[in-house]
Amino acid sequence: MDPVREAVTTARRIVVKIGSSSLTTADGGLDAARVDALADVVAQASRAGREVVLVSSGAIAAGLAPLGIPRRPRDLATQQAAASVGQGLLIGRYAAAFARHGLTVGQVLLTADDVTRRAHYRNAFRTLRKLLDFKTVPIVNENDTVATDEIRFGDNDRLAALVAALVDADLLVLLSDVDALYTGDPRKPGTRKIDEVRDETDLAGVTVGGAGRAGVGTGGMVTKVEAARIATGFGIPVVLTAAPHAAAALAGEPVGTLFHRVGQRPAARLFWLAHATSPRGRLHLDPGAVQAVVARRKSLLPAGITAVDGVFTAGDPVDLVDSEGAPVARGLVNYDAVELPALLGRSTGDLAAELGPGYEREVVHRDDLVLL
């Protein structure tokens, strides 16, 4: 069997991501025919016994026309207002489209914060798992109405790759307005289509562009290639193609570009920590602490920290940096930033004796650490 087909046809749990430009008209309204066409493809996969999670952009784009906004706004507050109006329109359109096939949809709105803190991460997984158990179609989007710049995914391509890791998917399909990855602008002569990507050498010399001409999305080929890197690094193959080719892609036909898996699956939550978070601060480590964390995979203790940067609270992601300021790891910190300066360079035994047993804990536990 052709390896492209096998990577796809054996997939039982699939994450499908579709971009704003594939769901909306250029003036910002939802294109009902396009939504219906996507629902038809997902419903067909569901009838075949496959589980599909849909990651859908389009909330901000769908809210532009009702608010009389001519083009995608740049400021966060207006984007959030448009998302507030558009999210209801988008999920309502999906509900109607899938109801034609007797399928129920469930809306799941996420921020990066929801899936890097342990309790939130587990809850997101349980919710998606239960929706799939109920034979519904989970429709995931970034929670644009409340996400701040610090906790935003930034684009739904990356969100889709991370959701694929969260649900332990067998395949990620990225649908856009371009039918495949090309070596450059596909409108220019001499540009060729890339059928398969097995490693970084296949991307040598490839020039990729930003958001599409309709101006309603935040992505572009750059974010899709990065999403493919994230997913394949988690052991999930990726197919990148145009929305009209969705049925062919899920059927295993050699459409678009196939990115082959390149890694074994790491612990999912730590994978999210590495790829879904922005550090709120930095902990500067002495050489001994760097050796302990990186080489021996030990927890970070106060004795090995020389300085603290940033404003953060317990549970926030922080980068661990070496003496040159280069990040070596990222982890979830167990102390507020204001607490740490008084603890630096001291043993946990001394701290517990002076301040109480609560200060015997690690600054970052090894289970909450990922090497960069």
Protein backbone atom coordinates (compact mmCIF):
# COMPACT_ATOMS: atom_id res chain seq x y z
CA MET A 1 0.00 0.00 0.00
CA ASP A 2 1.17 3.53 -0.74
CA PRO A 3 2.68 5.00 2.47
CA VAL A 4 0.71 8.23 2.06
CA ARG A 5 -2.55 6.31 2.04
CA GLU A 6 -1.52 4.08 4.93
CA ALA A 7 -0.62 6.96 7.22
CA VAL A 8 -4.08 8.40 6.62
CA THR A 9 -6.36 5.41 6.16
CA THR A 10 -5.23 3.73 9.38
CA ALA A 11 -5.97 6.87 11.42
CA ARG A 12 -9.00 6.42 13.70
CA ARG A 13 -8.84 9.70 15.64
CA ILE A 14 -8.33 12.76 13.49
CA VAL A 15 -8.05 16.49 14.15
CA VAL A 16 -9.17 18.63 11.21
CA LYS A 17 -8.32 22.33 11.21
CA ILE A 18 -9.96 24.82 8.85
CA GLY A 19 -8.98 28.46 8.44
CA SER A 20 -11.09 31.61 8.27
CA SER A 21 -10.49 32.14 4.56
CA SER A 22 -11.97 28.70 3.81
CA LEU A 23 -15.19 29.43 5.70
CA THR A 24 -15.98 33.05 4.95
CA THR A 25 -16.52 35.40 2.07
CA ALA A 26 -14.00 38.15 1.44
CA ASP A 27 -16.31 40.69 3.14
CA GLY A 28 -16.34 38.65 6.34
CA GLY A 29 -19.64 36.78 6.23
CA LEU A 30 -19.90 33.04 6.82
CA ASP A 31 -20.21 31.05 3.60
CA ALA A 32 -22.96 28.51 4.39
CA ALA A 33 -22.12 26.32 1.42
CA ARG A 34 -18.50 25.96 2.58
CA VAL A 35 -19.56 25.12 6.13
CA ASP A 36 -22.02 22.53 4.81
CA ALA A 37 -19.36 20.99 2.57
CA LEU A 38 -16.98 20.58 5.50
CA ALA A 39 -19.73 19.07 7.64
CA ASP A 40 -20.48 16.57 4.87
CA VAL A 41 -16.85 15.38 4.88
CA VAL A 42 -16.60 15.12 8.68
CA ALA A 43 -19.96 13.31 8.85
CA GLN A 44 -18.76 10.79 6.29
CA ALA A 45 -15.68 10.08 8.42
CA SER A 46 -17.86 9.74 11.51
CA ARG A 47 -20.11 7.21 9.79
CA ALA A 48 -16.98 5.20 8.96
CA GLY A 49 -16.23 4.88 12.67
CA ARG A 50 -13.58 7.58 12.89
CA GLU A 51 -13.46 10.17 15.66
CA VAL A 52 -13.03 13.74 14.40
CA VAL A 53 -12.21 16.85 16.39
CA LEU A 54 -12.70 20.03 14.37
CA VAL A 55 -10.53 23.06 15.10
CA SER A 56 -12.23 25.97 13.41
CA SER A 57 -11.17 29.54 12.89
CA GLY A 58 -13.74 32.05 11.72
CA ALA A 59 -15.26 33.60 14.86
CA ILE A 60 -13.59 36.99 14.46
CA ALA A 61 -14.10 36.95 10.68
CA ALA A 62 -17.79 36.06 11.07
CA GLY A 63 -18.32 38.96 13.47
CA LEU A 64 -16.89 41.65 11.19
CA ALA A 65 -19.88 42.14 8.87
CA PRO A 66 -22.56 42.28 11.61
CA LEU A 67 -20.53 44.97 13.39
CA GLY A 68 -19.92 46.92 10.18
CA ILE A 69 -16.15 46.44 10.38
CA PRO A 70 -14.66 46.39 6.85
CA ARG A 71 -11.47 44.43 7.61
CA ARG A 72 -9.84 42.45 10.40
CA PRO A 73 -9.02 44.83 13.28
CA ARG A 74 -5.52 45.02 14.68
CA ASP A 75 -6.34 45.87 18.29
CA LEU A 76 -7.19 43.08 20.72
CA ALA A 77 -10.36 44.68 22.18
CA THR A 78 -12.05 45.01 18.78
CA GLN A 79 -10.97 41.50 17.81
CA GLN A 80 -12.56 40.23 21.01
CA ALA A 81 -15.78 42.12 20.35
CA ALA A 82 -15.93 40.64 16.85
CA ALA A 83 -15.24 37.17 18.24
CA SER A 84 -18.04 37.58 20.77
CA VAL A 85 -20.53 38.28 17.97
CA GLY A 86 -19.03 35.82 15.50
CA GLN A 87 -18.60 32.81 17.78
CA GLY A 88 -22.35 32.37 18.21
CA LEU A 89 -22.94 32.72 14.48
CA LEU A 90 -20.16 30.21 13.72
CA ILE A 91 -21.29 27.49 16.14
CA GLY A 92 -24.92 28.01 15.12
CA ARG A 93 -24.01 27.47 11.49
CA TYR A 94 -22.05 24.33 12.37
CA ALA A 95 -24.91 23.00 14.50
CA ALA A 96 -27.31 23.36 11.56
CA ALA A 97 -24.84 21.84 9.10
CA PHE A 98 -24.16 18.75 11.23
CA ALA A 99 -27.83 18.34 12.21
CA ARG A 100 -28.48 17.46 8.55
CA HIS A 101 -26.46 14.29 9.30
CA GLY A 102 -28.00 13.62 12.71
CA LEU A 103 -24.82 14.76 14.49
CA THR A 104 -24.53 17.03 17.53
CA VAL A 105 -21.69 19.51 17.96
CA GLY A 106 -20.01 20.63 21.17
CA GLN A 107 -18.19 23.94 21.48
CA VAL A 108 -14.83 23.97 23.27
CA LEU A 109 -13.09 27.32 23.71
CA LEU A 110 -9.50 27.18 24.96
CA THR A 111 -6.71 29.48 26.00
CA ALA A 112 -3.11 28.40 26.41
CA ASP A 113 -3.58 28.83 30.15
CA ASP A 114 -6.30 26.16 30.11
CA VAL A 115 -3.94 23.47 28.96
CA THR A 116 -0.63 24.17 30.69
CA ARG A 117 -1.87 24.20 34.27
CA ARG A 118 -2.28 20.61 35.40
CA ALA A 119 -5.93 20.74 36.54
CA HIS A 120 -7.04 22.71 33.47
CA TYR A 121 -5.16 20.40 31.14
CA ARG A 122 -6.79 17.32 32.60
CA ASN A 123 -10.20 18.96 32.40
CA ALA A 124 -9.72 19.90 28.73
CA PHE A 125 -8.76 16.31 27.93
CA ARG A 126 -11.72 14.88 29.87
CA THR A 127 -14.17 17.22 28.16
CA LEU A 128 -12.96 16.36 24.65
CA ARG A 129 -12.83 12.65 25.48
CA LYS A 130 -16.40 12.70 26.82
CA LEU A 131 -17.70 14.58 23.78
CA LEU A 132 -16.16 11.92 21.53
CA ASP A 133 -17.67 9.18 23.71
CA PHE A 134 -21.07 10.77 23.11
CA LYS A 135 -20.45 10.56 19.33
CA THR A 136 -20.55 14.34 19.03
CA VAL A 137 -18.24 16.53 16.97
CA PRO A 138 -16.13 18.76 19.25
CA ILE A 139 -15.52 22.14 17.63
CA VAL A 140 -12.50 23.83 19.17
CA ASN A 141 -11.48 27.46 18.85
CA GLU A 142 -9.30 29.81 20.81
CA ASN A 143 -11.32 31.66 23.42
CA ASP A 144 -10.69 34.98 21.71
CA THR A 145 -13.15 36.94 23.85
CA VAL A 146 -11.11 36.54 27.06
CA ALA A 147 -7.58 35.57 26.00
CA THR A 148 -4.95 38.19 26.75
CA ASP A 149 -1.84 38.62 24.61
CA GLU A 150 0.12 36.62 27.20
CA ILE A 151 -2.15 33.54 27.08
CA ARG A 152 -3.07 33.48 23.40
CA PHE A 153 -2.12 30.68 21.04
CA GLY A 154 -1.88 33.35 18.33
CA ASP A 155 -3.15 31.19 15.50
CA ASN A 156 -5.34 28.12 15.19
CA ASP A 157 -2.75 26.13 13.24
CA ARG A 158 -0.65 25.84 16.39
CA LEU A 159 -3.78 25.26 18.47
CA ALA A 160 -4.75 22.39 16.14
CA ALA A 161 -1.34 20.73 16.51
CA LEU A 162 -1.57 20.99 20.28
CA VAL A 163 -5.14 19.68 20.38
CA ALA A 164 -3.97 16.73 18.24
CA ALA A 165 -1.37 16.00 20.93
CA LEU A 166 -3.92 16.51 23.71
CA VAL A 167 -6.38 13.93 22.33
CA ASP A 168 -3.61 11.57 21.17
CA ALA A 169 -4.73 11.86 17.55
CA ASP A 170 -3.52 9.58 14.76
CA LEU A 171 -3.63 12.31 12.11
CA LEU A 172 -3.81 16.09 11.73
CA VAL A 173 -5.33 17.59 8.58
CA LEU A 174 -4.71 21.31 7.95
CA LEU A 175 -7.19 22.79 5.46
CA SER A 176 -6.63 26.21 3.91
CA ASP A 177 -7.01 28.09 0.63
CA VAL A 178 -3.77 26.60 -0.77
CA ASP A 179 -3.76 23.01 -2.04
CA ALA A 180 -0.26 22.05 -0.80
CA LEU A 181 3.12 23.30 0.34
CA TYR A 182 5.15 24.79 -2.51
CA THR A 183 8.77 25.84 -2.78
CA GLY A 184 7.57 29.45 -3.08
CA ASP A 185 4.56 31.49 -4.16
CA PRO A 186 2.48 28.98 -6.19
CA ARG A 187 1.36 31.81 -8.52
CA LYS A 188 4.91 32.35 -9.73
CA PRO A 189 6.56 30.29 -12.50
CA GLY A 190 9.18 27.75 -11.51
CA THR A 191 7.55 27.01 -8.16
CA ARG A 192 6.99 23.33 -7.51
CA LYS A 193 4.66 21.41 -5.22
CA ILE A 194 6.18 19.41 -2.36
CA ASP A 195 4.39 16.06 -2.06
CA GLU A 196 6.06 14.77 1.11
CA VAL A 197 8.19 16.12 3.93
CA ARG A 198 10.19 13.52 5.84
CA ASP A 199 12.59 15.83 7.68
CA GLU A 200 13.95 19.37 7.70
CA THR A 201 16.11 18.76 4.62
CA ASP A 202 12.92 18.56 2.53
CA LEU A 203 12.15 22.14 3.61
CA ALA A 204 15.55 23.53 2.58
CA GLY A 205 15.08 26.45 0.23
CA VAL A 206 11.33 26.67 0.80
CA THR A 207 9.95 30.22 1.04
CA VAL A 208 6.59 30.50 2.80
CA GLY A 209 4.24 33.46 3.11
CA GLY A 210 1.90 35.01 5.64
CA ALA A 211 -1.87 35.44 5.84
CA GLY A 212 -3.98 35.14 2.71
CA ARG A 213 -5.22 37.86 0.42
CA ALA A 214 -8.74 37.95 1.91
CA GLY A 215 -7.26 39.45 5.07
CA VAL A 216 -9.53 37.60 7.49
CA GLY A 217 -7.03 35.21 9.11
CA THR A 218 -3.90 35.39 11.23
CA GLY A 219 -2.06 32.43 9.75
CA GLY A 220 -0.39 31.65 6.48
CA MET A 221 1.96 28.94 5.32
CA VAL A 222 4.51 29.86 8.02
CA THR A 223 2.13 28.88 10.82
CA LYS A 224 1.07 25.71 9.00
CA VAL A 225 4.62 24.48 8.59
CA GLU A 226 5.32 25.25 12.24
CA ALA A 227 2.14 23.39 13.25
CA ALA A 228 3.29 20.44 11.16
CA ARG A 229 6.65 20.50 12.98
CA ILE A 230 4.89 20.45 16.35
CA ALA A 231 2.54 17.60 15.44
CA THR A 232 5.09 15.40 13.69
CA GLY A 233 7.44 15.88 16.64
CA PHE A 234 4.69 14.34 18.75
CA GLY A 235 4.49 11.38 16.37
CA ILE A 236 1.41 12.59 14.46
CA PRO A 237 1.50 12.72 10.62
CA VAL A 238 0.05 15.82 8.98
CA VAL A 239 -1.71 16.41 5.67
CA LEU A 240 -1.78 19.99 4.39
CA THR A 241 -4.21 20.72 1.57
CA ALA A 242 -7.06 22.96 0.40
CA ALA A 243 -10.54 22.71 1.93
CA PRO A 244 -12.17 21.43 -1.31
CA HIS A 245 -9.79 18.44 -1.14
CA ALA A 246 -10.82 17.47 2.40
CA ALA A 247 -12.69 14.31 1.39
CA ALA A 248 -9.81 13.10 -0.78
CA ALA A 249 -7.32 13.85 2.00
CA LEU A 250 -9.27 11.82 4.56
CA ALA A 251 -9.70 8.99 2.05
CA GLY A 252 -5.92 8.67 1.82
CA GLU A 253 -5.59 9.99 -1.71
CA PRO A 254 -2.18 11.59 -2.38
CA VAL A 255 -3.45 15.19 -2.33
CA GLY A 256 -1.62 18.10 -0.74
CA THR A 257 1.56 17.60 1.25
CA LEU A 258 2.13 14.79 3.73
CA PHE A 259 4.44 15.53 6.66
CA HIS A 260 5.68 12.24 8.08
CA ARG A 261 5.96 11.73 11.83
CA VAL A 262 9.49 12.26 13.07
CA GLY A 263 9.35 11.51 16.79
CA GLN A 264 8.03 9.25 19.50
CA ARG A 265 5.27 10.66 21.65
CA PRO A 266 6.48 12.51 24.75
CA ALA A 267 4.32 13.21 27.80
CA ALA A 268 1.48 15.29 26.39
CA ARG A 269 1.29 17.93 29.12
CA LEU A 270 5.01 18.64 28.92
CA PHE A 271 4.69 18.82 25.15
CA TRP A 272 2.05 21.51 25.67
CA LEU A 273 4.31 23.28 28.16
CA ALA A 274 7.08 23.49 25.56
CA HIS A 275 4.90 24.59 22.65
CA ALA A 276 1.79 26.33 24.03
CA THR A 277 3.16 28.63 26.68
CA SER A 278 4.98 31.93 26.86
CA PRO A 279 7.31 32.28 29.84
CA ARG A 280 6.26 34.84 32.46
CA GLY A 281 9.77 35.10 33.84
CA ARG A 282 13.29 33.67 33.94
CA LEU A 283 15.27 31.84 36.58
CA HIS A 284 19.05 32.17 36.18
CA LEU A 285 20.89 28.96 37.09
CA ASP A 286 24.47 28.36 38.19
CA PRO A 287 26.45 25.72 36.20
CA GLY A 288 25.76 23.02 38.78
CA ALA A 289 22.00 23.55 38.56
CA VAL A 290 22.12 23.50 34.76
CA GLN A 291 23.95 20.17 34.93
CA ALA A 292 21.43 18.78 37.43
CA VAL A 293 18.37 19.86 35.43
CA VAL A 294 19.61 19.09 31.91
CA ALA A 295 21.91 16.10 32.31
CA ARG A 296 20.48 14.41 35.40
CA ARG A 297 16.84 15.52 34.95
CA LYS A 298 16.61 16.69 38.55
CA SER A 299 14.17 19.18 40.06
CA LEU A 300 15.32 22.79 40.43
CA LEU A 301 16.10 23.80 44.01
CA PRO A 302 16.62 27.32 45.41
CA ALA A 303 20.34 26.65 45.99
CA GLY A 304 21.03 26.57 42.24
CA ILE A 305 19.35 29.87 41.33
CA THR A 306 21.41 33.06 41.08
CA ALA A 307 18.79 35.59 39.92
CA VAL A 308 15.10 36.00 39.06
CA ASP A 309 13.51 38.07 36.28
CA GLY A 310 9.85 38.81 35.60
CA VAL A 311 6.53 39.00 37.40
CA PHE A 312 4.85 35.63 37.94
CA THR A 313 2.82 33.64 40.43
CA ALA A 314 3.03 30.02 41.52
CA GLY A 315 1.94 27.75 38.67
CA ASP A 316 3.12 30.08 35.90
CA PRO A 317 5.54 28.92 33.18
CA VAL A 318 9.09 30.24 33.48
CA ASP A 319 12.26 29.68 31.51
CA LEU A 320 15.37 28.29 33.18
CA VAL A 321 18.43 29.96 31.67
CA ASP A 322 22.16 29.30 31.92
CA SER A 323 24.90 31.77 32.84
CA GLU A 324 24.81 33.17 29.29
CA GLY A 325 21.05 33.78 29.47
CA ALA A 326 20.21 30.95 27.03
CA PRO A 327 17.03 29.01 27.91
CA VAL A 328 17.75 25.36 28.75
CA ALA A 329 14.34 24.33 30.08
CA ARG A 330 10.82 25.57 30.79
CA GLY A 331 8.80 24.66 33.84
CA LEU A 332 5.90 25.53 36.11
CA VAL A 333 7.21 27.43 39.10
CA ASN A 334 6.06 26.66 42.66
CA TYR A 335 6.67 30.14 44.11
CA ASP A 336 5.62 33.70 43.37
CA ALA A 337 8.33 35.95 41.96
CA VAL A 338 8.32 38.13 45.10
CA GLU A 339 9.07 35.11 47.32
CA LEU A 340 12.12 33.82 45.49
CA PRO A 341 14.89 36.41 46.04
CA ALA A 342 15.06 35.61 49.77
CA LEU A 343 15.43 31.89 49.00
CA LEU A 344 18.22 31.97 46.41
CA GLY A 345 21.36 30.00 47.09
CA ARG A 346 19.94 28.35 50.20
CA SER A 347 19.25 24.65 50.84
CA THR A 348 15.69 23.42 51.24
CA GLY A 349 16.67 21.98 54.64
CA ASP A 350 17.76 25.39 55.95
CA LEU A 351 14.66 27.07 54.52
CA ALA A 352 12.34 24.50 56.07
CA ALA A 353 14.03 24.86 59.46
CA GLU A 354 13.77 28.66 59.40
CA LEU A 355 10.50 29.28 57.55
CA GLY A 356 8.53 26.08 57.94
CA PRO A 357 7.96 22.80 56.05
CA GLY A 358 6.17 24.59 53.18
CA TYR A 359 9.58 25.88 52.03
CA GLU A 360 11.06 22.42 51.60
CA ARG A 361 9.48 22.11 48.15
CA GLU A 362 11.31 22.45 44.84
CA VAL A 363 11.20 25.71 42.91
CA VAL A 364 10.34 23.67 39.79
CA HIS A 365 9.57 19.96 40.12
CA ARG A 366 11.10 17.68 37.50
CA ASP A 367 7.63 16.43 36.54
CA ASP A 368 6.79 20.02 35.56
CA LEU A 369 9.96 20.56 33.52
CA VAL A 370 10.63 20.20 29.81
CA LEU A 371 14.05 20.66 28.21
CA LEU A 372 14.27 23.15 25.35
